[in-house]
Protein backbone atom coordinates (compact mmCIF):
# COMPACT_ATOMS: atom_id res chain seq x y z
CA MET A 1 7.54 -6.29 -9.15
CA PRO A 2 3.98 -5.25 -7.33
CA PHE A 3 0.55 -7.66 -6.82
CA ALA A 4 -1.90 -7.43 -7.68
CA LEU A 5 -5.47 -9.08 -6.45
CA VAL A 6 -8.28 -8.84 -9.58
CA VAL A 7 -11.73 -9.52 -7.72
CA ASP A 8 -14.42 -10.39 -10.32
CA ASP A 9 -17.29 -12.93 -10.74
CA LYS A 10 -15.84 -12.66 -15.02
CA TRP A 11 -13.29 -14.56 -15.97
CA VAL A 12 -12.97 -12.86 -19.86
CA THR A 13 -12.82 -9.34 -17.57
CA ALA A 14 -10.49 -10.83 -15.16
CA SER A 15 -8.45 -11.80 -18.09
CA SER A 16 -7.34 -9.12 -19.47
CA HIS A 17 -7.44 -6.82 -16.09
CA LEU A 18 -4.48 -9.02 -15.25
CA LYS A 19 -2.85 -8.73 -18.71
CA ILE A 20 -3.01 -4.87 -19.05
CA LEU A 21 -1.53 -4.69 -14.87
CA GLY A 22 1.30 -6.38 -16.55
CA LEU A 23 1.97 -4.18 -19.43
CA PHE A 24 2.82 -2.26 -16.10
CA GLY A 25 5.95 -5.13 -14.83
CA ILE A 26 2.65 -5.69 -11.86
CA LYS A 27 2.24 -9.66 -11.60
CA GLY A 28 -1.43 -10.39 -10.39
CA VAL A 29 -3.84 -12.88 -9.35
CA HIS A 30 -7.57 -13.15 -9.89
CA ALA A 31 -9.88 -14.32 -7.03
CA ASN A 32 -13.52 -14.71 -8.21
CA THR A 33 -15.71 -14.50 -5.50
CA ALA A 34 -15.10 -12.02 -2.58
CA ARG A 35 -14.54 -14.21 -0.34
CA THR A 36 -12.07 -16.15 -1.92
CA ALA A 37 -9.96 -12.67 -2.39
CA VAL A 38 -10.26 -12.76 1.20
CA LEU A 39 -8.49 -15.88 1.68
CA MET A 40 -6.30 -15.09 -1.39
CA MET A 41 -4.91 -11.34 0.62
CA ARG A 42 -4.50 -13.72 4.13
CA GLU A 43 -1.48 -15.47 2.08
CA LYS A 44 -0.12 -12.70 0.37
CA LYS A 45 -1.32 -9.40 0.52
CA PRO A 46 -1.41 -6.87 -2.69
CA ASP A 47 -0.30 -3.83 -3.53
CA VAL A 48 -3.18 -3.23 -5.86
CA ILE A 49 -6.73 -4.43 -5.60
CA LEU A 50 -8.66 -3.83 -8.79
CA LEU A 51 -12.12 -4.53 -7.37
CA ASP A 52 -15.60 -6.07 -9.56
CA VAL A 53 -18.89 -4.45 -8.03
CA HIS A 54 -21.60 -6.08 -9.35
CA MET A 55 -20.70 -9.72 -7.98
CA PRO A 56 -23.16 -12.72 -7.09
CA GLY A 57 -22.62 -13.76 -3.01
CA VAL A 58 -21.00 -10.69 -1.75
CA ASP A 59 -20.85 -7.61 -3.60
CA GLY A 60 -18.03 -5.23 -3.89
CA PHE A 61 -19.69 -3.09 -1.27
CA GLU A 62 -19.78 -5.76 1.26
CA PHE A 63 -15.76 -6.30 0.02
CA LEU A 64 -14.99 -2.84 1.20
CA LYS A 65 -16.35 -2.38 4.44
CA TYR A 66 -14.40 -5.63 5.19
CA ILE A 67 -11.43 -4.77 3.26
CA HIS A 68 -10.83 -1.44 5.90
CA GLN A 69 -11.44 -3.95 9.23
CA LEU A 70 -9.05 -5.96 8.74
CA PRO A 71 -5.53 -4.28 10.04
CA GLY A 72 -2.56 -3.68 8.02
CA PHE A 73 -5.13 -3.84 4.69
CA GLN A 74 -5.91 -0.02 5.03
CA ASP A 75 -2.95 1.38 2.80
CA VAL A 76 -3.98 -1.33 0.19
CA PRO A 77 -5.29 1.55 -2.58
CA ILE A 78 -8.23 0.19 -4.16
CA LEU A 79 -9.72 0.26 -7.55
CA VAL A 80 -13.41 0.02 -8.23
CA VAL A 81 -13.13 -1.32 -12.05
CA THR A 82 -17.33 -1.74 -12.33
CA SER A 83 -19.60 -1.27 -15.25
CA ASP A 84 -22.22 0.79 -13.58
CA ASP A 85 -21.42 4.20 -14.26
CA GLN A 86 -24.33 6.02 -11.79
CA PRO A 87 -22.90 8.88 -10.03
CA GLU A 88 -24.54 6.91 -6.87
CA THR A 89 -22.26 3.83 -7.57
CA GLU A 90 -19.01 6.02 -7.83
CA GLU A 91 -20.48 7.70 -4.22
CA ARG A 92 -20.57 5.16 -2.79
CA MET A 93 -18.04 2.82 -3.26
CA ARG A 94 -15.73 6.22 -2.47
CA SER A 95 -17.80 6.67 1.47
CA LEU A 96 -16.55 2.97 1.22
CA GLY A 97 -13.14 3.60 0.72
CA ALA A 98 -12.10 3.06 -2.60
CA THR A 99 -9.28 4.80 -4.28
CA GLU A 100 -10.66 5.48 -7.25
CA VAL A 101 -13.69 4.32 -9.62
CA LEU A 102 -13.15 3.22 -13.05
CA ILE A 103 -15.23 2.35 -15.53
CA LYS A 104 -15.34 -0.84 -17.89
CA PRO A 105 -13.92 -0.60 -20.34
CA LEU A 106 -10.83 -0.55 -18.24
CA GLU A 107 -8.36 2.32 -20.53
CA ILE A 108 -5.00 1.83 -20.28
CA ASP A 109 -4.47 5.94 -19.81
CA ALA A 110 -6.38 6.46 -17.30
CA LEU A 111 -5.33 3.01 -15.52
CA GLU A 112 -1.87 3.77 -15.72
CA GLU A 113 -2.29 7.37 -13.96
CA VAL A 114 -4.18 6.04 -11.24
CA LEU A 115 -1.34 2.99 -10.72
CA LYS A 116 0.87 5.58 -10.33
CA ARG A 117 -0.61 8.17 -8.20
CA ALA A 118 -1.33 5.65 -6.00
CA LYS A 119 2.43 4.83 -6.44
CA VAL A 120 2.12 1.30 -7.28
CA ILE A 121 3.90 2.66 -10.88
CA GLU A 122 6.36 5.28 -11.31
């Protein structure tokens, strides 16, 4: 069973994303800060990460920079899920290594397509 890490400072949003992932047979956990996410990743490597951009403290941009420096995590697909629909934000996230950028509210069909392309599900 694939394992996901949802990094979002808002519990309601993260909970919704975890429920949607469950529809695809993906078990997941929530980290409400980037720091917590890094600690959780060291305990169990996720098969996919859903990442919010705008969070207090370490934001999604900094998290992306950091994760790609960690040995063994370069192959983990990172799906940025944000309400920030500015083209500059998407360009920056992609330049930092985001696999895909999805705009909130998360559309189930779009997520399924991305998860299949990233080979998280079949």
